[in-house]
C-alpha atoms as a PDB file:
ATOM      1  CA  MET A   1      94.763  84.395 111.583  1.00  0.00           C
ATOM      2  CA  TYR A   2      96.617  82.934 108.606  1.00  0.00           C
ATOM      3  CA  THR A   3      93.892  81.561 106.352  1.00  0.00           C
ATOM      4  CA  ILE A   4      92.969  83.161 103.037  1.00  0.00           C
ATOM      5  CA  THR A   5      89.737  84.579 104.458  1.00  0.00           C
ATOM      6  CA  ASP A   6      91.625  85.988 107.460  1.00  0.00           C
ATOM      7  CA  LEU A   7      94.102  87.851 105.268  1.00  0.00           C
ATOM      8  CA  PHE A   8      92.422  88.929 102.056  1.00  0.00           C
ATOM      9  CA  ASP A   9      89.326  90.576 100.605  1.00  0.00           C
ATOM     10  CA  LEU A  10      88.914  88.457  97.496  1.00  0.00           C
ATOM     11  CA  GLU A  11      86.838  91.120  95.745  1.00  0.00           C
ATOM     12  CA  HIS A  12      90.093  92.803  94.729  1.00  0.00           C
ATOM     13  CA  THR A  13      91.852  90.227  92.552  1.00  0.00           C
ATOM     14  CA  LEU A  14      91.291  88.249  89.368  1.00  0.00           C
ATOM     15  CA  ALA A  15      92.483  85.231  91.360  1.00  0.00           C
ATOM     16  CA  ALA A  16      89.411  85.231  93.637  1.00  0.00           C
ATOM     17  CA  ASP A  17      87.795  82.016  92.408  1.00  0.00           C
ATOM     18  CA  TYR A  18      91.156  80.264  92.345  1.00  0.00           C
ATOM     19  CA  LEU A  19      92.022  81.283  95.910  1.00  0.00           C
ATOM     20  CA  ARG A  20      88.630  80.175  97.223  1.00  0.00           C
ATOM     21  CA  GLN A  21      89.703  76.573  96.575  1.00  0.00           C
ATOM     22  CA  PHE A  22      92.242  76.716  99.410  1.00  0.00           C
ATOM     23  CA  ILE A  23      92.350  77.253 103.152  1.00  0.00           C
ATOM     24  CA  TYR A  24      95.908  78.526 103.504  1.00  0.00           C
ATOM     25  CA  PRO A  25      97.324  81.016 100.983  1.00  0.00           C
ATOM     26  CA  TRP A  26     100.608  79.190 100.466  1.00  0.00           C
ATOM     27  CA  GLU A  27      98.637  76.269  99.039  1.00  0.00           C
ATOM     28  CA  ALA A  28      97.955  78.485  96.004  1.00  0.00           C
ATOM     29  CA  LEU A  29     101.594  79.164  95.118  1.00  0.00           C
ATOM     30  CA  SER A  30     102.176  76.065  93.008  1.00  0.00           C
ATOM     31  CA  GLY A  31      99.324  76.869  90.605  1.00  0.00           C
ATOM     32  CA  ILE A  32      99.907  80.558  89.855  1.00  0.00           C
ATOM     33  CA  LYS A  33     101.441  79.900  86.432  1.00  0.00           C
ATOM     34  CA  GLU A  34      98.545  77.701  85.350  1.00  0.00           C
ATOM     35  CA  LEU A  35      96.062  80.232  86.713  1.00  0.00           C
ATOM     36  CA  ILE A  36      97.511  83.014  84.566  1.00  0.00           C
ATOM     37  CA  LEU A  37      97.545  80.804  81.482  1.00  0.00           C
ATOM     38  CA  GLN A  38      93.854  80.099  82.096  1.00  0.00           C
ATOM     39  CA  LEU A  39      92.855  83.690  82.820  1.00  0.00           C
ATOM     40  CA  GLY A  40      94.802  85.354  80.025  1.00  0.00           C
ATOM     41  CA  PRO A  41      92.891  84.176  76.943  1.00  0.00           C
ATOM     42  CA  ALA A  42      89.569  84.924  78.670  1.00  0.00           C
ATOM     43  CA  LEU A  43      90.357  88.553  79.587  1.00  0.00           C
ATOM     44  CA  ASP A  44      88.129  91.255  78.124  1.00  0.00           C
ATOM     45  CA  ASP A  45      89.145  93.483  75.232  1.00  0.00           C
ATOM     46  CA  GLY A  46      90.612  96.024  77.631  1.00  0.00           C
ATOM     47  CA  TYR A  47      93.701  93.816  77.622  1.00  0.00           C
ATOM     48  CA  GLU A  48      96.121  93.181  74.793  1.00  0.00           C
ATOM     49  CA  GLU A  49      98.581  90.324  74.423  1.00  0.00           C
ATOM     50  CA  ARG A  50     101.797  92.268  73.892  1.00  0.00           C
ATOM     51  CA  ALA A  51     103.907  89.125  73.648  1.00  0.00           C
ATOM     52  CA  PRO A  52     103.026  85.430  73.856  1.00  0.00           C
ATOM     53  CA  GLN A  53     101.303  84.865  77.230  1.00  0.00           C
ATOM     54  CA  VAL A  54     101.919  88.456  78.348  1.00  0.00           C
ATOM     55  CA  TRP A  55      98.633  90.307  78.834  1.00  0.00           C
ATOM     56  CA  VAL A  56      98.714  94.031  79.625  1.00  0.00           C
ATOM     57  CA  HIS A  57      95.708  96.275  80.134  1.00  0.00           C
ATOM     58  CA  LYS A  58      95.543  99.169  77.677  1.00  0.00           C
ATOM     59  CA  THR A  59      95.481 101.675  80.544  1.00  0.00           C
ATOM     60  CA  ALA A  60      98.622 100.271  82.177  1.00  0.00           C
ATOM     61  CA  LYS A  61     101.925 102.072  81.751  1.00  0.00           C
ATOM     62  CA  VAL A  62     104.952  99.884  81.095  1.00  0.00           C
ATOM     63  CA  PHE A  63     108.307 101.626  80.751  1.00  0.00           C
ATOM     64  CA  PRO A  64     110.354 100.583  77.699  1.00  0.00           C
ATOM     65  CA  SER A  65     113.183  99.264  79.881  1.00  0.00           C
ATOM     66  CA  ALA A  66     110.909  96.935  81.897  1.00  0.00           C
ATOM     67  CA  TYR A  67     111.019  93.193  81.224  1.00  0.00           C
ATOM     68  CA  LEU A  68     107.756  91.246  81.202  1.00  0.00           C
ATOM     69  CA  GLY A  69     108.360  87.506  81.327  1.00  0.00           C
ATOM     70  CA  ALA A  70     105.643  85.045  80.410  1.00  0.00           C
ATOM     71  CA  PRO A  71     103.166  84.305  81.671  1.00  0.00           C
ATOM     72  CA  CYS A  72     102.003  87.477  83.348  1.00  0.00           C
ATOM     73  CA  ILE A  73      99.023  89.804  83.590  1.00  0.00           C
ATOM     74  CA  ILE A  74      99.301  93.541  84.259  1.00  0.00           C
ATOM     75  CA  GLY A  75      96.024  95.094  85.368  1.00  0.00           C
ATOM     76  CA  PRO A  76      94.274  98.394  84.650  1.00  0.00           C
ATOM     77  CA  ASN A  77      96.066 101.635  85.516  1.00  0.00           C
ATOM     78  CA  SER A  78      99.085  99.796  86.891  1.00  0.00           C
ATOM     79  CA  GLU A  79     102.598 101.085  86.330  1.00  0.00           C
ATOM     80  CA  VAL A  80     105.664  98.952  85.642  1.00  0.00           C
ATOM     81  CA  ARG A  81     108.616 101.275  85.953  1.00  0.00           C
ATOM     82  CA  HIS A  82     112.197 101.570  84.750  1.00  0.00           C
ATOM     83  CA  CYS A  83     114.162  98.286  84.720  1.00  0.00           C
ATOM     84  CA  ALA A  84     111.482  96.283  86.517  1.00  0.00           C
ATOM     85  CA  PHE A  85     112.076  92.548  86.031  1.00  0.00           C
ATOM     86  CA  ILE A  86     108.977  90.363  85.961  1.00  0.00           C
ATOM     87  CA  ARG A  87     110.411  86.873  85.665  1.00  0.00           C
ATOM     88  CA  GLY A  88     107.050  85.278  84.985  1.00  0.00           C
ATOM     89  CA  SER A  89     104.050  83.787  86.777  1.00  0.00           C
ATOM     90  CA  ALA A  90     103.048  87.237  88.034  1.00  0.00           C
ATOM     91  CA  LEU A  91      99.449  88.354  88.342  1.00  0.00           C
ATOM     92  CA  VAL A  92      99.495  92.116  88.952  1.00  0.00           C
ATOM     93  CA  GLY A  93      96.159  93.687  89.789  1.00  0.00           C
ATOM     94  CA  ALA A  94      94.673  97.102  89.089  1.00  0.00           C
ATOM     95  CA  ASP A  95      96.302 100.378  90.180  1.00  0.00           C
ATOM     96  CA  CYS A  96      99.530  98.667  91.242  1.00  0.00           C
ATOM     97  CA  VAL A  97     103.092  99.979  91.153  1.00  0.00           C
ATOM     98  CA  VAL A  98     105.997  97.731  90.180  1.00  0.00           C
ATOM     99  CA  GLY A  99     108.885 100.098  90.604  1.00  0.00           C
ATOM    100  CA  ASN A 100     112.454 100.750  89.615  1.00  0.00           C
ATOM    101  CA  SER A 101     114.538  97.540  89.561  1.00  0.00           C
ATOM    102  CA  VAL A 102     111.806  95.526  91.298  1.00  0.00           C
ATOM    103  CA  GLU A 103     111.820  91.786  90.632  1.00  0.00           C
ATOM    104  CA  LEU A 104     108.650  89.685  90.736  1.00  0.00           C
ATOM    105  CA  LYS A 105     108.458  85.914  90.448  1.00  0.00           C
ATOM    106  CA  ASN A 106     105.489  83.588  91.053  1.00  0.00           C
ATOM    107  CA  VAL A 107     103.316  86.146  92.801  1.00  0.00           C
ATOM    108  CA  ILE A 108      99.796  87.465  93.097  1.00  0.00           C
ATOM    109  CA  LEU A 109      99.496  91.199  93.716  1.00  0.00           C
ATOM    110  CA  PHE A 110      95.988  92.282  94.651  1.00  0.00           C
ATOM    111  CA  ASP A 111      94.689  95.663  93.468  1.00  0.00           C
ATOM    112  CA  HIS A 112      96.456  98.820  94.720  1.00  0.00           C
ATOM    113  CA  VAL A 113      99.622  96.992  95.815  1.00  0.00           C
ATOM    114  CA  GLN A 114     102.820  99.031  95.766  1.00  0.00           C
ATOM    115  CA  THR A 115     106.290  97.544  95.366  1.00  0.00           C
ATOM    116  CA  PRO A 116     107.882 100.812  94.253  1.00  0.00           C
ATOM    117  CA  HIS A 117     111.639 100.695  94.870  1.00  0.00           C
ATOM    118  CA  TYR A 118     114.235  97.902  94.687  1.00  0.00           C
ATOM    119  CA  ASN A 119     112.006  95.139  96.030  1.00  0.00           C
ATOM    120  CA  TYR A 120     112.296  91.397  95.475  1.00  0.00           C
ATOM    121  CA  VAL A 121     108.971  89.579  95.779  1.00  0.00           C
ATOM    122  CA  GLY A 122     109.001  85.860  95.085  1.00  0.00           C
ATOM    123  CA  ASP A 123     106.574  83.018  95.818  1.00  0.00           C
ATOM    124  CA  SER A 124     104.338  85.419  97.696  1.00  0.00           C
ATOM    125  CA  ILE A 125     100.851  86.932  97.787  1.00  0.00           C
ATOM    126  CA  LEU A 126     100.382  90.622  98.590  1.00  0.00           C
ATOM    127  CA  GLY A 127      96.911  91.737  99.679  1.00  0.00           C
ATOM    128  CA  TYR A 128      94.810  94.764  98.795  1.00  0.00           C
ATOM    129  CA  TYR A 129      96.574  98.095  99.402  1.00  0.00           C
ATOM    130  CA  SER A 130      99.662  96.429 100.868  1.00  0.00           C
ATOM    131  CA  HIS A 131     102.912  98.349 100.481  1.00  0.00           C
ATOM    132  CA  MET A 132     106.563  97.381 100.606  1.00  0.00           C
ATOM    133  CA  GLY A 133     108.988 100.160 101.481  1.00  0.00           C
ATOM    134  CA  ALA A 134     112.166 100.799  99.511  1.00  0.00           C
ATOM    135  CA  GLY A 135     114.573  97.876  99.600  1.00  0.00           C
ATOM    136  CA  SER A 136     112.270  95.514 101.493  1.00  0.00           C
ATOM    137  CA  ILE A 137     112.239  91.950 100.193  1.00  0.00           C
ATOM    138  CA  THR A 138     110.724  88.518 100.610  1.00  0.00           C
ATOM    139  CA  SER A 139     113.255  85.764 101.194  1.00  0.00           C
ATOM    140  CA  ASN A 140     111.679  82.696  99.669  1.00  0.00           C
ATOM    141  CA  VAL A 141     114.139  79.822 100.307  1.00  0.00           C
ATOM    142  CA  LYS A 142     115.650  78.757 103.632  1.00  0.00           C
ATOM    143  CA  SER A 143     119.440  78.748 103.843  1.00  0.00           C
ATOM    144  CA  ASP A 144     119.395  75.004 104.642  1.00  0.00           C
ATOM    145  CA  LYS A 145     117.019  74.412 101.692  1.00  0.00           C
ATOM    146  CA  LYS A 146     114.561  72.527 103.916  1.00  0.00           C
ATOM    147  CA  LEU A 147     110.790  72.764 103.549  1.00  0.00           C
ATOM    148  CA  VAL A 148     109.256  75.934 104.941  1.00  0.00           C
ATOM    149  CA  VAL A 149     107.401  75.827 108.259  1.00  0.00           C
ATOM    150  CA  VAL A 150     105.069  78.633 109.400  1.00  0.00           C
ATOM    151  CA  HIS A 151     105.732  79.452 113.058  1.00  0.00           C
ATOM    152  CA  ASN A 152     102.986  80.952 115.190  1.00  0.00           C
ATOM    153  CA  GLY A 153     104.336  80.968 118.732  1.00  0.00           C
ATOM    154  CA  MET A 154     104.598  77.329 119.785  1.00  0.00           C
ATOM    155  CA  GLU A 155     102.433  76.227 116.862  1.00  0.00           C
ATOM    156  CA  GLN A 156     104.133  75.028 113.693  1.00  0.00           C
ATOM    157  CA  LEU A 157     102.366  74.555 110.360  1.00  0.00           C
ATOM    158  CA  THR A 158     104.202  72.426 107.853  1.00  0.00           C
ATOM    159  CA  THR A 159     103.724  73.678 104.296  1.00  0.00           C
ATOM    160  CA  GLY A 160     105.393  70.902 102.320  1.00  0.00           C
ATOM    161  CA  ILE A 161     106.988  73.430  99.980  1.00  0.00           C
ATOM    162  CA  LYS A 162     110.545  74.658  99.556  1.00  0.00           C
ATOM    163  CA  LYS A 163     109.846  78.095  98.080  1.00  0.00           C
ATOM    164  CA  PHE A 164     107.548  80.349 100.091  1.00  0.00           C
ATOM    165  CA  GLY A 165     108.224  84.026 100.662  1.00  0.00           C
ATOM    166  CA  ALA A 166     105.547  86.028 102.464  1.00  0.00           C
ATOM    167  CA  MET A 167     101.811  86.454 102.712  1.00  0.00           C
ATOM    168  CA  LEU A 168     100.900  90.092 103.346  1.00  0.00           C
ATOM    169  CA  GLY A 169      97.307  90.733 104.353  1.00  0.00           C
ATOM    170  CA  ASP A 170      95.283  93.715 103.173  1.00  0.00           C
ATOM    171  CA  TYR A 171      96.686  97.139 104.107  1.00  0.00           C
ATOM    172  CA  VAL A 172      99.997  95.802 105.422  1.00  0.00           C
ATOM    173  CA  GLU A 173     102.901  98.272 105.530  1.00  0.00           C
ATOM    174  CA  VAL A 174     106.429  96.861 105.370  1.00  0.00           C
ATOM    175  CA  GLY A 175     109.153  99.366 106.223  1.00  0.00           C
ATOM    176  CA  CYS A 176     112.246 100.152 104.192  1.00  0.00           C
ATOM    177  CA  ASN A 177     114.950  97.461 103.974  1.00  0.00           C
ATOM    178  CA  ALA A 178     112.942  94.948 105.996  1.00  0.00           C
ATOM    179  CA  VAL A 179     113.371  91.239 105.218  1.00  0.00           C
ATOM    180  CA  CYS A 180     110.410  88.880 105.352  1.00  0.00           C
ATOM    181  CA  ASN A 181     111.927  85.456 105.965  1.00  0.00           C
ATOM    182  CA  PRO A 182     110.508  82.287 104.363  1.00  0.00           C
ATOM    183  CA  GLY A 183     107.084  81.499 105.752  1.00  0.00           C
ATOM    184  CA  THR A 184     106.238  84.993 106.991  1.00  0.00           C
ATOM    185  CA  VAL A 185     102.509  85.741 107.342  1.00  0.00           C
ATOM    186  CA  ILE A 186     101.449  89.286 108.263  1.00  0.00           C
ATOM    187  CA  GLY A 187      97.838  89.992 109.228  1.00  0.00           C
ATOM    188  CA  ARG A 188      95.683  92.812 107.912  1.00  0.00           C
ATOM    189  CA  HIS A 189      96.446  96.420 108.860  1.00  0.00           C
ATOM    190  CA  SER A 190      99.783  95.526 110.445  1.00  0.00           C
ATOM    191  CA  ASN A 191     103.067  97.415 110.157  1.00  0.00           C
ATOM    192  CA  VAL A 192     106.681  96.292 110.069  1.00  0.00           C
ATOM    193  CA  TYR A 193     109.444  98.602 111.255  1.00  0.00           C
ATOM    194  CA  PRO A 194     112.197  99.526 108.763  1.00  0.00           C
ATOM    195  CA  THR A 195     115.306  97.266 108.723  1.00  0.00           C
ATOM    196  CA  SER A 196     113.416  94.496 110.563  1.00  0.00           C
ATOM    197  CA  CYS A 197     114.023  90.788 110.089  1.00  0.00           C
ATOM    198  CA  VAL A 198     110.536  89.286 110.213  1.00  0.00           C
ATOM    199  CA  ARG A 199     109.612  85.641 110.650  1.00  0.00           C
ATOM    200  CA  GLY A 200     106.530  83.669 111.566  1.00  0.00           C
ATOM    201  CA  VAL A 201     103.014  85.031 112.014  1.00  0.00           C
ATOM    202  CA  VAL A 202     102.329  88.679 112.811  1.00  0.00           C
ATOM    203  CA  PRO A 203      98.726  89.152 114.015  1.00  0.00           C
ATOM    204  CA  GLU A 204      96.447  91.677 112.366  1.00  0.00           C
ATOM    205  CA  ASN A 205      96.434  95.258 113.675  1.00  0.00           C
ATOM    206  CA  SER A 206      99.943  94.831 115.049  1.00  0.00           C
ATOM    207  CA  ILE A 207     103.346  96.478 114.801  1.00  0.00           C
ATOM    208  CA  TRP A 208     106.495  94.377 114.405  1.00  0.00           C
ATOM    209  CA  LYS A 209     109.387  96.344 115.867  1.00  0.00           C
ATOM    210  CA  ASP A 210     112.969  95.958 114.674  1.00  0.00           C
ATOM    211  CA  ASN A 211     113.874  93.915 117.779  1.00  0.00           C
ATOM    212  CA  GLY A 212     111.139  91.386 117.018  1.00  0.00           C
ATOM    213  CA  GLU A 213     108.725  92.719 119.622  1.00  0.00           C
ATOM    214  CA  ILE A 214     105.085  92.728 118.537  1.00  0.00           C
ATOM    215  CA  ILE A 215     102.816  95.512 119.790  1.00  0.00           C
ATOM    216  CA  HIS A 216      99.073  95.486 119.202  1.00  0.00           C
ATOM    217  CA  LYS A 217      97.971  98.833 117.843  1.00  0.00           C
ATOM    218  CA  GLU A 218      95.099  99.260 120.280  1.00  0.00           C
ATOM    219  CA  GLU A 219      97.589  98.994 123.155  1.00  0.00           C
ATOM    220  CA  ARG A 220      99.703 101.954 122.059  1.00  0.00           C
END
């Protein structure tokens, strides 16, 4: 329930061939910068290099106050709004929203992803049509600075990496002001209650309530 094929439809990202090299999505985090540097020069003429290693599709709307750090790619019809801060190593797909005061760092956003209001997304991958409510964030470093472990009940998967935010499967909805702790993996079509503190693996078609209880949607 936490492999790349479990979580994502790879038809909806420029990173498809890159991601197919791996089993677990967090294995792809360390190479996002190099991926963008490889993809950028090969993009079609619908893109323009607005600054060194910053490729923006001609149909994308980037507000004048937004900061685009290199390297990054902004896809067709996407919108990067007022005071957005893209620190670099961000691959933003088509029809995405990077909203007011949102910060992105070392991420892949599949097509139709929305991070519209005051979100921090770092060292994470957000699947097709996933959405983060206002103020929701990914926490990407443990407070003790130890390597991140993915917890799935009694099972523990060591990742070997220090910085790992969240993996959101396709069509995931994260409620307002929720925090996805380091190593969070949320399966397709699942929802997270507002103000929740999420950790570990949330199965697909589930609801994570703000007390940590997980309800399968078909049981409601």
